[in-house]
Amino acid sequence: MCHCYVSLTVKDDSQKLIGDVKSTDDVSRFLPNLCYIVDDLNLYSVHIQVFGLKADRMAKQPLANRAWTLAKHPQFFWWCGHCIVLFCTSFYFWYWITFSSSEGVIFYHGAYFGAMLSYGVVIYKSFGKWRTPRLNWEYFQKINKDENVFYFLLAFMWFMSTPVFVTLVPYATFSLFHFITYFRTNILQTFFPPPHPSGPPGAQNEWVNKTSKYIQTWVHNNYDQAMKIVSFVEVVVITSFLLLNILTFQLAIIIFFSYCIFLRMRYHMNPYTREVFDNVTQFLDRKIFGNPNVPPLLIKAYQHTKSAVIWFGNNNQSNIPQGSRRG
């Protein structure tokens, strides 16, 4: 087993997690979460250490060996799941904008199959492979506090229910960042490994470095805004579409209640989601309380609804995790 000491700075929903990694096993536990690396100059060396290779030997490895080493790792299946999400979402989007979504429903289900594959790998690495599960109350409490479990269950719910296109937007956004970051840190480095330190730097390596730097910069510059958009879609857009589909008898009301439980979890775990809820509340307060033309009955109904939402969000708050990582 190779031993190394690496400091990882991982960005997750504006939270920063510092992980001191001392062995390949420790590094492997971080692999599903390396998609939000901020300071990742040593990320490639971490990847090499996981597979038991030294940086100065990487260029000497045959391409087939490097590809096999990459493909047999669970993180590759995690990445394949995100590839499926992006591929199927793109095709279903085309069917959706051409008003023929019923013909492309297989791509809708395919996208959620990819999502369940990716989140399933993360859950397996978190609760299955690295420890012997004890099926007790404490174990189920840990599962209940993991954000990846909620996204996996939500993907399964969308997979089994009537297609609603906007529900794919958060998953596709997450998959985009996962896809390009894994491509930069693993795919590029596998097919275009760094040259031997004693050899001259080649033009090919320069191209890889520029591409890698561009992707890294793009992720760093767009991540926050993308997460804000995702939170808005989850809180406002998807909720509105679900209510519309329920009123038109296309979805069961249990779907909406289940999604409310998911939003409650997101509210306590995600600062972007809390910001959206605050903005929506302020907007509705201005439009309803600040408008003298609003009927008193509507004002009273809004007050009761607002109180019910606040009660539901704060009830049993101790069981909600803070800052859980999403795969």
C-alpha atoms as a PDB file:
ATOM      1  CA  MET A   1       0.000   0.000   0.000  1.00  0.00           C
ATOM      2  CA  CYS A   2       1.281   3.430  -0.898  1.00  0.00           C
ATOM      3  CA  HIS A   3       1.247   6.022   1.824  1.00  0.00           C
ATOM      4  CA  CYS A   4       0.954   9.720   1.275  1.00  0.00           C
ATOM      5  CA  TYR A   5      -0.041  12.817   3.167  1.00  0.00           C
ATOM      6  CA  VAL A   6      -2.222  15.164   1.182  1.00  0.00           C
ATOM      7  CA  SER A   7      -4.390  18.090   2.239  1.00  0.00           C
ATOM      8  CA  LEU A   8      -7.615  18.286   0.247  1.00  0.00           C
ATOM      9  CA  THR A   9      -9.761  21.402   0.175  1.00  0.00           C
ATOM     10  CA  VAL A  10     -13.177  20.306  -1.036  1.00  0.00           C
ATOM     11  CA  LYS A  11     -15.939  22.805  -1.721  1.00  0.00           C
ATOM     12  CA  ASP A  12     -19.433  21.558  -1.098  1.00  0.00           C
ATOM     13  CA  ASP A  13     -22.394  23.975  -1.083  1.00  0.00           C
ATOM     14  CA  SER A  14     -20.185  26.821   0.180  1.00  0.00           C
ATOM     15  CA  GLN A  15     -18.871  24.555   2.945  1.00  0.00           C
ATOM     16  CA  LYS A  16     -15.171  23.708   3.119  1.00  0.00           C
ATOM     17  CA  LEU A  17     -14.007  20.299   4.208  1.00  0.00           C
ATOM     18  CA  ILE A  18     -10.321  19.752   4.950  1.00  0.00           C
ATOM     19  CA  GLY A  19      -9.339  16.096   4.749  1.00  0.00           C
ATOM     20  CA  ASP A  20      -5.954  14.828   5.930  1.00  0.00           C
ATOM     21  CA  VAL A  21      -5.284  11.774   3.801  1.00  0.00           C
ATOM     22  CA  LYS A  22      -2.655   9.295   4.980  1.00  0.00           C
ATOM     23  CA  SER A  23      -3.369   6.154   2.976  1.00  0.00           C
ATOM     24  CA  THR A  24      -4.876   4.990  -0.274  1.00  0.00           C
ATOM     25  CA  ASP A  25      -7.979   3.832   1.593  1.00  0.00           C
ATOM     26  CA  ASP A  26      -8.478   7.315   2.993  1.00  0.00           C
ATOM     27  CA  VAL A  27      -8.070   8.842  -0.458  1.00  0.00           C
ATOM     28  CA  SER A  28     -10.603   6.452  -1.947  1.00  0.00           C
ATOM     29  CA  ARG A  29     -13.262   7.625   0.467  1.00  0.00           C
ATOM     30  CA  PHE A  30     -12.917  11.136  -0.923  1.00  0.00           C
ATOM     31  CA  LEU A  31     -13.074  10.133  -4.588  1.00  0.00           C
ATOM     32  CA  PRO A  32     -16.817  10.610  -5.115  1.00  0.00           C
ATOM     33  CA  ASN A  33     -16.549  14.098  -3.625  1.00  0.00           C
ATOM     34  CA  LEU A  34     -13.560  15.325  -5.618  1.00  0.00           C
ATOM     35  CA  CYS A  35     -15.844  17.006  -8.123  1.00  0.00           C
ATOM     36  CA  TYR A  36     -15.847  20.238  -6.134  1.00  0.00           C
ATOM     37  CA  ILE A  37     -12.127  20.691  -5.658  1.00  0.00           C
ATOM     38  CA  VAL A  38     -11.056  24.310  -5.256  1.00  0.00           C
ATOM     39  CA  ASP A  39      -7.348  24.009  -4.499  1.00  0.00           C
ATOM     40  CA  ASP A  40      -6.518  20.813  -6.316  1.00  0.00           C
ATOM     41  CA  LEU A  41      -2.975  21.221  -7.582  1.00  0.00           C
ATOM     42  CA  ASN A  42      -2.191  17.854  -6.029  1.00  0.00           C
ATOM     43  CA  LEU A  43      -5.340  16.135  -7.262  1.00  0.00           C
ATOM     44  CA  TYR A  44      -3.567  14.195  -9.981  1.00  0.00           C
ATOM     45  CA  SER A  45      -0.959  12.890  -7.573  1.00  0.00           C
ATOM     46  CA  VAL A  46      -3.814  11.789  -5.310  1.00  0.00           C
ATOM     47  CA  HIS A  47      -5.357   9.895  -8.213  1.00  0.00           C
ATOM     48  CA  ILE A  48      -2.030   8.187  -8.932  1.00  0.00           C
ATOM     49  CA  GLN A  49      -1.481   7.268  -5.300  1.00  0.00           C
ATOM     50  CA  VAL A  50      -4.892   5.629  -5.147  1.00  0.00           C
ATOM     51  CA  PHE A  51      -3.935   3.274  -7.930  1.00  0.00           C
ATOM     52  CA  GLY A  52      -0.516   2.596  -6.429  1.00  0.00           C
ATOM     53  CA  LEU A  53       1.486   4.332  -9.159  1.00  0.00           C
ATOM     54  CA  LYS A  54       4.218   6.908  -8.930  1.00  0.00           C
ATOM     55  CA  ALA A  55       4.064  10.079 -11.007  1.00  0.00           C
ATOM     56  CA  ASP A  56       7.409   9.425 -12.662  1.00  0.00           C
ATOM     57  CA  ARG A  57       6.245   5.947 -13.750  1.00  0.00           C
ATOM     58  CA  MET A  58       2.874   6.977 -15.162  1.00  0.00           C
ATOM     59  CA  ALA A  59       4.159   7.822 -18.629  1.00  0.00           C
ATOM     60  CA  LYS A  60       5.800   4.377 -18.890  1.00  0.00           C
ATOM     61  CA  GLN A  61       2.572   2.470 -18.312  1.00  0.00           C
ATOM     62  CA  PRO A  62       0.886   1.053 -21.457  1.00  0.00           C
ATOM     63  CA  LEU A  63      -2.345   2.787 -22.377  1.00  0.00           C
ATOM     64  CA  ALA A  64      -4.298  -0.445 -21.928  1.00  0.00           C
ATOM     65  CA  ASN A  65      -3.018  -0.796 -18.359  1.00  0.00           C
ATOM     66  CA  ARG A  66      -3.846   2.805 -17.529  1.00  0.00           C
ATOM     67  CA  ALA A  67      -7.329   2.488 -19.014  1.00  0.00           C
ATOM     68  CA  TRP A  68      -8.013  -0.773 -17.188  1.00  0.00           C
ATOM     69  CA  THR A  69      -6.818   0.697 -13.899  1.00  0.00           C
ATOM     70  CA  LEU A  70      -9.232   3.566 -14.419  1.00  0.00           C
ATOM     71  CA  ALA A  71     -12.191   1.464 -15.583  1.00  0.00           C
ATOM     72  CA  LYS A  72     -12.121  -1.090 -12.769  1.00  0.00           C
ATOM     73  CA  HIS A  73     -12.447   1.531 -10.053  1.00  0.00           C
ATOM     74  CA  PRO A  74     -15.982   2.192  -8.706  1.00  0.00           C
ATOM     75  CA  GLN A  75     -15.569   5.891  -9.405  1.00  0.00           C
ATOM     76  CA  PHE A  76     -15.553   5.133 -13.135  1.00  0.00           C
ATOM     77  CA  PHE A  77     -19.048   3.633 -12.838  1.00  0.00           C
ATOM     78  CA  TRP A  78     -20.020   6.715 -10.838  1.00  0.00           C
ATOM     79  CA  TRP A  79     -18.802   8.845 -13.766  1.00  0.00           C
ATOM     80  CA  CYS A  80     -20.591   6.638 -16.318  1.00  0.00           C
ATOM     81  CA  GLY A  81     -23.815   7.282 -14.449  1.00  0.00           C
ATOM     82  CA  HIS A  82     -23.336  11.015 -14.871  1.00  0.00           C
ATOM     83  CA  CYS A  83     -22.560  10.498 -18.568  1.00  0.00           C
ATOM     84  CA  ILE A  84     -25.867   8.662 -18.936  1.00  0.00           C
ATOM     85  CA  VAL A  85     -27.698  11.506 -17.185  1.00  0.00           C
ATOM     86  CA  LEU A  86     -26.267  14.112 -19.561  1.00  0.00           C
ATOM     87  CA  PHE A  87     -26.776  11.999 -22.682  1.00  0.00           C
ATOM     88  CA  CYS A  88     -30.379  11.051 -21.926  1.00  0.00           C
ATOM     89  CA  THR A  89     -31.350  14.504 -20.652  1.00  0.00           C
ATOM     90  CA  SER A  90     -30.086  16.094 -23.873  1.00  0.00           C
ATOM     91  CA  PHE A  91     -32.167  13.749 -26.018  1.00  0.00           C
ATOM     92  CA  TYR A  92     -35.264  14.047 -23.847  1.00  0.00           C
ATOM     93  CA  PHE A  93     -34.954  17.839 -23.931  1.00  0.00           C
ATOM     94  CA  TRP A  94     -35.136  17.699 -27.730  1.00  0.00           C
ATOM     95  CA  TYR A  95     -38.304  15.602 -27.582  1.00  0.00           C
ATOM     96  CA  TRP A  96     -39.726  17.942 -24.958  1.00  0.00           C
ATOM     97  CA  ILE A  97     -39.220  21.183 -26.916  1.00  0.00           C
ATOM     98  CA  THR A  98     -40.676  19.558 -30.043  1.00  0.00           C
ATOM     99  CA  PHE A  99     -43.832  18.594 -28.099  1.00  0.00           C
ATOM    100  CA  SER A 100     -43.205  14.884 -28.540  1.00  0.00           C
ATOM    101  CA  SER A 101     -41.990  14.030 -25.045  1.00  0.00           C
ATOM    102  CA  SER A 102     -44.073  10.846 -24.948  1.00  0.00           C
ATOM    103  CA  GLU A 103     -41.927   9.419 -27.750  1.00  0.00           C
ATOM    104  CA  GLY A 104     -38.717  10.070 -25.827  1.00  0.00           C
ATOM    105  CA  VAL A 105     -39.828   8.823 -22.428  1.00  0.00           C
ATOM    106  CA  ILE A 106     -37.165   6.113 -22.575  1.00  0.00           C
ATOM    107  CA  PHE A 107     -34.520   8.847 -22.332  1.00  0.00           C
ATOM    108  CA  TYR A 108     -36.282  10.331 -19.301  1.00  0.00           C
ATOM    109  CA  HIS A 109     -36.131   7.001 -17.522  1.00  0.00           C
ATOM    110  CA  GLY A 110     -32.591   6.463 -18.783  1.00  0.00           C
ATOM    111  CA  ALA A 111     -31.468   9.730 -17.197  1.00  0.00           C
ATOM    112  CA  TYR A 112     -32.786   8.659 -13.817  1.00  0.00           C
ATOM    113  CA  PHE A 113     -31.244   5.229 -14.218  1.00  0.00           C
ATOM    114  CA  GLY A 114     -27.883   6.986 -14.613  1.00  0.00           C
ATOM    115  CA  ALA A 115     -28.598   9.154 -11.574  1.00  0.00           C
ATOM    116  CA  MET A 116     -29.440   6.110  -9.450  1.00  0.00           C
ATOM    117  CA  LEU A 117     -26.245   4.426 -10.656  1.00  0.00           C
ATOM    118  CA  SER A 118     -24.071   7.383  -9.632  1.00  0.00           C
ATOM    119  CA  TYR A 119     -25.695   7.972  -6.271  1.00  0.00           C
ATOM    120  CA  GLY A 120     -25.819   4.243  -5.640  1.00  0.00           C
ATOM    121  CA  VAL A 121     -22.040   4.029  -6.013  1.00  0.00           C
ATOM    122  CA  VAL A 122     -21.571   6.876  -3.535  1.00  0.00           C
ATOM    123  CA  ILE A 123     -23.957   5.292  -1.033  1.00  0.00           C
ATOM    124  CA  TYR A 124     -22.235   1.931  -1.415  1.00  0.00           C
ATOM    125  CA  LYS A 125     -18.823   3.472  -0.773  1.00  0.00           C
ATOM    126  CA  SER A 126     -20.175   5.378   2.226  1.00  0.00           C
ATOM    127  CA  PHE A 127     -22.244   2.686   3.925  1.00  0.00           C
ATOM    128  CA  GLY A 128     -21.368  -0.642   2.366  1.00  0.00           C
ATOM    129  CA  LYS A 129     -17.840  -1.297   1.184  1.00  0.00           C
ATOM    130  CA  TRP A 130     -15.765   0.489   3.786  1.00  0.00           C
ATOM    131  CA  ARG A 131     -17.545  -0.791   6.853  1.00  0.00           C
ATOM    132  CA  THR A 132     -19.647  -3.752   7.905  1.00  0.00           C
ATOM    133  CA  PRO A 133     -23.178  -2.369   8.280  1.00  0.00           C
ATOM    134  CA  ARG A 134     -24.993  -2.996  11.520  1.00  0.00           C
ATOM    135  CA  LEU A 135     -28.698  -2.842  10.883  1.00  0.00           C
ATOM    136  CA  ASN A 136     -29.536  -0.911  14.012  1.00  0.00           C
ATOM    137  CA  TRP A 137     -31.216   2.429  14.689  1.00  0.00           C
ATOM    138  CA  GLU A 138     -27.921   4.341  14.631  1.00  0.00           C
ATOM    139  CA  TYR A 139     -27.077   2.955  11.180  1.00  0.00           C
ATOM    140  CA  PHE A 140     -30.439   4.001   9.749  1.00  0.00           C
ATOM    141  CA  GLN A 141     -30.044   7.414  11.354  1.00  0.00           C
ATOM    142  CA  LYS A 142     -26.767   7.882   9.489  1.00  0.00           C
ATOM    143  CA  ILE A 143     -28.414   6.884   6.228  1.00  0.00           C
ATOM    144  CA  ASN A 144     -31.254   9.295   6.928  1.00  0.00           C
ATOM    145  CA  LYS A 145     -28.740  12.112   7.349  1.00  0.00           C
ATOM    146  CA  ASP A 146     -26.914  11.559   4.068  1.00  0.00           C
ATOM    147  CA  GLU A 147     -27.911  13.848   1.208  1.00  0.00           C
ATOM    148  CA  ASN A 148     -26.930  11.268  -1.396  1.00  0.00           C
ATOM    149  CA  VAL A 149     -29.573   8.883  -0.054  1.00  0.00           C
ATOM    150  CA  PHE A 150     -32.254  11.532  -0.500  1.00  0.00           C
ATOM    151  CA  TYR A 151     -31.197  12.244  -4.077  1.00  0.00           C
ATOM    152  CA  PHE A 152     -31.119   8.523  -4.833  1.00  0.00           C
ATOM    153  CA  LEU A 153     -34.635   8.027  -3.462  1.00  0.00           C
ATOM    154  CA  LEU A 154     -35.853  11.134  -5.267  1.00  0.00           C
ATOM    155  CA  ALA A 155     -34.420   9.830  -8.546  1.00  0.00           C
ATOM    156  CA  PHE A 156     -36.221   6.531  -7.966  1.00  0.00           C
ATOM    157  CA  MET A 157     -39.476   8.385  -7.339  1.00  0.00           C
ATOM    158  CA  TRP A 158     -39.138  10.388 -10.568  1.00  0.00           C
ATOM    159  CA  PHE A 159     -38.192   7.194 -12.408  1.00  0.00           C
ATOM    160  CA  MET A 160     -41.417   5.499 -11.311  1.00  0.00           C
ATOM    161  CA  SER A 161     -43.777   8.454 -11.750  1.00  0.00           C
ATOM    162  CA  THR A 162     -45.178  10.423 -14.682  1.00  0.00           C
ATOM    163  CA  PRO A 163     -42.344  12.316 -16.445  1.00  0.00           C
ATOM    164  CA  VAL A 164     -41.874  15.948 -15.425  1.00  0.00           C
ATOM    165  CA  PHE A 165     -39.014  17.397 -17.447  1.00  0.00           C
ATOM    166  CA  VAL A 166     -37.941  20.149 -15.035  1.00  0.00           C
ATOM    167  CA  THR A 167     -37.072  17.536 -12.410  1.00  0.00           C
ATOM    168  CA  LEU A 168     -34.086  16.602 -14.583  1.00  0.00           C
ATOM    169  CA  VAL A 169     -32.529  20.078 -14.378  1.00  0.00           C
ATOM    170  CA  PRO A 170     -30.835  19.672 -10.951  1.00  0.00           C
ATOM    171  CA  TYR A 171     -29.514  16.201 -11.770  1.00  0.00           C
ATOM    172  CA  ALA A 172     -28.207  17.295 -15.171  1.00  0.00           C
ATOM    173  CA  THR A 173     -26.502  20.322 -13.611  1.00  0.00           C
ATOM    174  CA  PHE A 174     -24.779  18.229 -10.960  1.00  0.00           C
ATOM    175  CA  SER A 175     -23.782  15.680 -13.598  1.00  0.00           C
ATOM    176  CA  LEU A 176     -22.268  18.373 -15.804  1.00  0.00           C
ATOM    177  CA  PHE A 177     -19.858  19.479 -13.074  1.00  0.00           C
ATOM    178  CA  HIS A 178     -19.072  15.891 -12.099  1.00  0.00           C
ATOM    179  CA  PHE A 179     -18.528  14.912 -15.729  1.00  0.00           C
ATOM    180  CA  ILE A 180     -16.115  17.667 -16.714  1.00  0.00           C
ATOM    181  CA  THR A 181     -14.139  17.524 -13.460  1.00  0.00           C
ATOM    182  CA  TYR A 182     -13.640  13.768 -13.674  1.00  0.00           C
ATOM    183  CA  PHE A 183     -12.732  14.190 -17.336  1.00  0.00           C
ATOM    184  CA  ARG A 184     -10.072  16.713 -16.347  1.00  0.00           C
ATOM    185  CA  THR A 185      -8.629  14.862 -13.377  1.00  0.00           C
ATOM    186  CA  ASN A 186      -8.855  11.264 -14.599  1.00  0.00           C
ATOM    187  CA  ILE A 187      -9.670  10.821 -18.288  1.00  0.00           C
ATOM    188  CA  LEU A 188      -7.177  13.371 -19.604  1.00  0.00           C
ATOM    189  CA  GLN A 189      -4.447  12.191 -17.268  1.00  0.00           C
ATOM    190  CA  THR A 190      -5.025   8.552 -18.189  1.00  0.00           C
ATOM    191  CA  PHE A 191      -4.835   9.011 -21.951  1.00  0.00           C
ATOM    192  CA  PHE A 192      -2.300  11.854 -21.828  1.00  0.00           C
ATOM    193  CA  PRO A 193      -0.139  11.169 -18.753  1.00  0.00           C
ATOM    194  CA  PRO A 194       2.518  13.652 -17.693  1.00  0.00           C
ATOM    195  CA  PRO A 195       5.915  12.959 -19.270  1.00  0.00           C
ATOM    196  CA  HIS A 196       8.791  11.546 -17.307  1.00  0.00           C
ATOM    197  CA  PRO A 197      10.407  14.312 -15.219  1.00  0.00           C
ATOM    198  CA  SER A 198      13.764  13.717 -16.915  1.00  0.00           C
ATOM    199  CA  GLY A 199      12.260  14.065 -20.386  1.00  0.00           C
ATOM    200  CA  PRO A 200      11.475  17.261 -22.316  1.00  0.00           C
ATOM    201  CA  PRO A 201       7.966  18.714 -21.970  1.00  0.00           C
ATOM    202  CA  GLY A 202       6.000  18.007 -25.110  1.00  0.00           C
ATOM    203  CA  ALA A 203       3.392  20.004 -26.993  1.00  0.00           C
ATOM    204  CA  GLN A 204       0.817  17.359 -26.160  1.00  0.00           C
ATOM    205  CA  ASN A 205       1.370  17.853 -22.453  1.00  0.00           C
ATOM    206  CA  GLU A 206       1.026  21.618 -22.923  1.00  0.00           C
ATOM    207  CA  TRP A 207      -2.349  21.108 -24.615  1.00  0.00           C
ATOM    208  CA  VAL A 208      -3.514  18.899 -21.766  1.00  0.00           C
ATOM    209  CA  ASN A 209      -2.396  21.449 -19.190  1.00  0.00           C
ATOM    210  CA  LYS A 210      -4.245  24.262 -20.960  1.00  0.00           C
ATOM    211  CA  THR A 211      -7.407  22.197 -21.276  1.00  0.00           C
ATOM    212  CA  SER A 212      -7.216  21.142 -17.652  1.00  0.00           C
ATOM    213  CA  LYS A 213      -6.685  24.705 -16.482  1.00  0.00           C
ATOM    214  CA  TYR A 214      -9.591  25.963 -18.590  1.00  0.00           C
ATOM    215  CA  ILE A 215     -11.969  23.374 -17.135  1.00  0.00           C
ATOM    216  CA  GLN A 216     -10.767  24.094 -13.616  1.00  0.00           C
ATOM    217  CA  THR A 217     -11.307  27.831 -14.072  1.00  0.00           C
ATOM    218  CA  TRP A 218     -14.728  27.338 -15.638  1.00  0.00           C
ATOM    219  CA  VAL A 219     -15.901  25.148 -12.763  1.00  0.00           C
ATOM    220  CA  HIS A 220     -14.576  27.588 -10.191  1.00  0.00           C
ATOM    221  CA  ASN A 221     -16.268  30.576 -11.869  1.00  0.00           C
ATOM    222  CA  ASN A 222     -19.647  28.966 -12.541  1.00  0.00           C
ATOM    223  CA  TYR A 223     -20.252  26.592  -9.654  1.00  0.00           C
ATOM    224  CA  ASP A 224     -21.846  29.066  -7.238  1.00  0.00           C
ATOM    225  CA  GLN A 225     -24.204  30.509  -9.835  1.00  0.00           C
ATOM    226  CA  ALA A 226     -25.176  27.044 -11.031  1.00  0.00           C
ATOM    227  CA  MET A 227     -26.012  25.937  -7.491  1.00  0.00           C
ATOM    228  CA  LYS A 228     -28.175  29.036  -7.020  1.00  0.00           C
ATOM    229  CA  ILE A 229     -30.066  28.200 -10.205  1.00  0.00           C
ATOM    230  CA  VAL A 230     -30.497  24.595  -9.082  1.00  0.00           C
ATOM    231  CA  SER A 231     -31.901  25.711  -5.734  1.00  0.00           C
ATOM    232  CA  PHE A 232     -34.350  28.075  -7.443  1.00  0.00           C
ATOM    233  CA  VAL A 233     -35.480  25.302  -9.779  1.00  0.00           C
ATOM    234  CA  GLU A 234     -35.926  22.868  -6.884  1.00  0.00           C
ATOM    235  CA  VAL A 235     -37.876  25.286  -4.695  1.00  0.00           C
ATOM    236  CA  VAL A 236     -39.924  27.314  -7.190  1.00  0.00           C
ATOM    237  CA  VAL A 237     -40.036  25.702 -10.625  1.00  0.00           C
ATOM    238  CA  ILE A 238     -40.387  22.023  -9.731  1.00  0.00           C
ATOM    239  CA  THR A 239     -42.848  22.779  -6.930  1.00  0.00           C
ATOM    240  CA  SER A 240     -44.997  24.813  -9.328  1.00  0.00           C
ATOM    241  CA  PHE A 241     -44.958  22.082 -11.967  1.00  0.00           C
ATOM    242  CA  LEU A 242     -45.846  19.435  -9.395  1.00  0.00           C
ATOM    243  CA  LEU A 243     -48.828  21.440  -8.162  1.00  0.00           C
ATOM    244  CA  LEU A 244     -49.971  21.963 -11.748  1.00  0.00           C
ATOM    245  CA  ASN A 245     -49.693  18.254 -12.517  1.00  0.00           C
ATOM    246  CA  ILE A 246     -51.573  17.357  -9.339  1.00  0.00           C
ATOM    247  CA  LEU A 247     -54.384  19.791 -10.142  1.00  0.00           C
ATOM    248  CA  THR A 248     -54.675  18.248 -13.609  1.00  0.00           C
ATOM    249  CA  PHE A 249     -54.666  14.727 -12.096  1.00  0.00           C
ATOM    250  CA  GLN A 250     -51.406  13.716 -13.785  1.00  0.00           C
ATOM    251  CA  LEU A 251     -49.563  13.046 -10.522  1.00  0.00           C
ATOM    252  CA  ALA A 252     -50.591  11.606  -7.179  1.00  0.00           C
ATOM    253  CA  ILE A 253     -50.554  13.991  -4.239  1.00  0.00           C
ATOM    254  CA  ILE A 254     -48.183  11.650  -2.380  1.00  0.00           C
ATOM    255  CA  ILE A 255     -45.512  12.706  -4.881  1.00  0.00           C
ATOM    256  CA  PHE A 256     -45.864  16.306  -3.749  1.00  0.00           C
ATOM    257  CA  PHE A 257     -45.719  15.397  -0.054  1.00  0.00           C
ATOM    258  CA  SER A 258     -42.624  13.281  -0.661  1.00  0.00           C
ATOM    259  CA  TYR A 259     -40.986  16.166  -2.484  1.00  0.00           C
ATOM    260  CA  CYS A 260     -41.810  18.487   0.423  1.00  0.00           C
ATOM    261  CA  ILE A 261     -39.842  16.157   2.709  1.00  0.00           C
ATOM    262  CA  PHE A 262     -36.924  16.410   0.285  1.00  0.00           C
ATOM    263  CA  LEU A 263     -37.146  20.228   0.262  1.00  0.00           C
ATOM    264  CA  ARG A 264     -37.180  20.242   4.053  1.00  0.00           C
ATOM    265  CA  MET A 265     -33.929  18.292   4.041  1.00  0.00           C
ATOM    266  CA  ARG A 266     -32.420  20.665   1.468  1.00  0.00           C
ATOM    267  CA  TYR A 267     -33.462  23.705   3.479  1.00  0.00           C
ATOM    268  CA  HIS A 268     -31.510  22.587   6.529  1.00  0.00           C
ATOM    269  CA  MET A 269     -28.499  21.324   4.575  1.00  0.00           C
ATOM    270  CA  ASN A 270     -28.053  23.816   1.767  1.00  0.00           C
ATOM    271  CA  PRO A 271     -27.466  27.577   2.165  1.00  0.00           C
ATOM    272  CA  TYR A 272     -28.564  28.244  -1.418  1.00  0.00           C
ATOM    273  CA  THR A 273     -31.920  26.600  -0.740  1.00  0.00           C
ATOM    274  CA  ARG A 274     -32.392  28.653   2.416  1.00  0.00           C
ATOM    275  CA  GLU A 275     -31.631  31.791   0.437  1.00  0.00           C
ATOM    276  CA  VAL A 276     -34.276  30.908  -2.159  1.00  0.00           C
ATOM    277  CA  PHE A 277     -36.886  30.250   0.538  1.00  0.00           C
ATOM    278  CA  ASP A 278     -36.079  33.594   2.162  1.00  0.00           C
ATOM    279  CA  ASN A 279     -36.324  35.429  -1.173  1.00  0.00           C
ATOM    280  CA  VAL A 280     -39.635  33.767  -2.058  1.00  0.00           C
ATOM    281  CA  THR A 281     -41.058  34.592   1.381  1.00  0.00           C
ATOM    282  CA  GLN A 282     -40.025  38.235   1.095  1.00  0.00           C
ATOM    283  CA  PHE A 283     -41.468  38.455  -2.421  1.00  0.00           C
ATOM    284  CA  LEU A 284     -44.832  37.002  -1.378  1.00  0.00           C
ATOM    285  CA  ASP A 285     -44.969  39.172   1.747  1.00  0.00           C
ATOM    286  CA  ARG A 286     -44.511  42.299  -0.370  1.00  0.00           C
ATOM    287  CA  LYS A 287     -47.085  41.236  -2.952  1.00  0.00           C
ATOM    288  CA  ILE A 288     -49.733  40.129  -0.443  1.00  0.00           C
ATOM    289  CA  PHE A 289     -49.272  42.235   2.680  1.00  0.00           C
ATOM    290  CA  GLY A 290     -48.199  45.313   0.755  1.00  0.00           C
ATOM    291  CA  ASN A 291     -51.157  45.300  -1.626  1.00  0.00           C
ATOM    292  CA  PRO A 292     -54.385  46.827  -0.246  1.00  0.00           C
ATOM    293  CA  ASN A 293     -56.387  45.200  -3.036  1.00  0.00           C
ATOM    294  CA  VAL A 294     -55.690  41.674  -1.798  1.00  0.00           C
ATOM    295  CA  PRO A 295     -58.833  40.177  -0.195  1.00  0.00           C
ATOM    296  CA  PRO A 296     -58.561  39.524   3.569  1.00  0.00           C
ATOM    297  CA  LEU A 297     -59.509  35.893   2.999  1.00  0.00           C
ATOM    298  CA  LEU A 298     -56.475  35.407   0.756  1.00  0.00           C
ATOM    299  CA  ILE A 299     -54.223  37.115   3.303  1.00  0.00           C
ATOM    300  CA  LYS A 300     -55.484  34.807   6.031  1.00  0.00           C
ATOM    301  CA  ALA A 301     -54.995  31.742   3.835  1.00  0.00           C
ATOM    302  CA  TYR A 302     -51.443  32.843   3.055  1.00  0.00           C
ATOM    303  CA  GLN A 303     -50.678  33.362   6.752  1.00  0.00           C
ATOM    304  CA  HIS A 304     -51.920  29.871   7.614  1.00  0.00           C
ATOM    305  CA  THR A 305     -49.966  28.328   4.741  1.00  0.00           C
ATOM    306  CA  LYS A 306     -46.812  30.182   5.735  1.00  0.00           C
ATOM    307  CA  SER A 307     -47.170  29.090   9.366  1.00  0.00           C
ATOM    308  CA  ALA A 308     -47.691  25.474   8.297  1.00  0.00           C
ATOM    309  CA  VAL A 309     -44.589  25.531   6.099  1.00  0.00           C
ATOM    310  CA  ILE A 310     -42.489  27.040   8.909  1.00  0.00           C
ATOM    311  CA  TRP A 311     -43.780  24.452  11.379  1.00  0.00           C
ATOM    312  CA  PHE A 312     -43.055  21.593   8.974  1.00  0.00           C
ATOM    313  CA  GLY A 313     -39.564  22.898   8.256  1.00  0.00           C
ATOM    314  CA  ASN A 314     -38.597  23.314  11.900  1.00  0.00           C
ATOM    315  CA  ASN A 315     -40.277  20.191  13.283  1.00  0.00           C
ATOM    316  CA  ASN A 316     -37.776  17.544  14.484  1.00  0.00           C
ATOM    317  CA  GLN A 317     -34.932  19.649  13.150  1.00  0.00           C
ATOM    318  CA  SER A 318     -32.316  17.710  15.141  1.00  0.00           C
ATOM    319  CA  ASN A 319     -32.611  14.790  12.728  1.00  0.00           C
ATOM    320  CA  ILE A 320     -31.569  16.937   9.788  1.00  0.00           C
ATOM    321  CA  PRO A 321     -27.841  16.852   8.936  1.00  0.00           C
ATOM    322  CA  GLN A 322     -25.803  19.960   8.407  1.00  0.00           C
ATOM    323  CA  GLY A 323     -23.437  20.212   5.475  1.00  0.00           C
ATOM    324  CA  SER A 324     -23.680  16.648   4.165  1.00  0.00           C
ATOM    325  CA  ARG A 325     -21.784  15.986   0.964  1.00  0.00           C
ATOM    326  CA  ARG A 326     -23.616  15.221  -2.256  1.00  0.00           C
ATOM    327  CA  GLY A 327     -22.132  12.795  -4.780  1.00  0.00           C
END
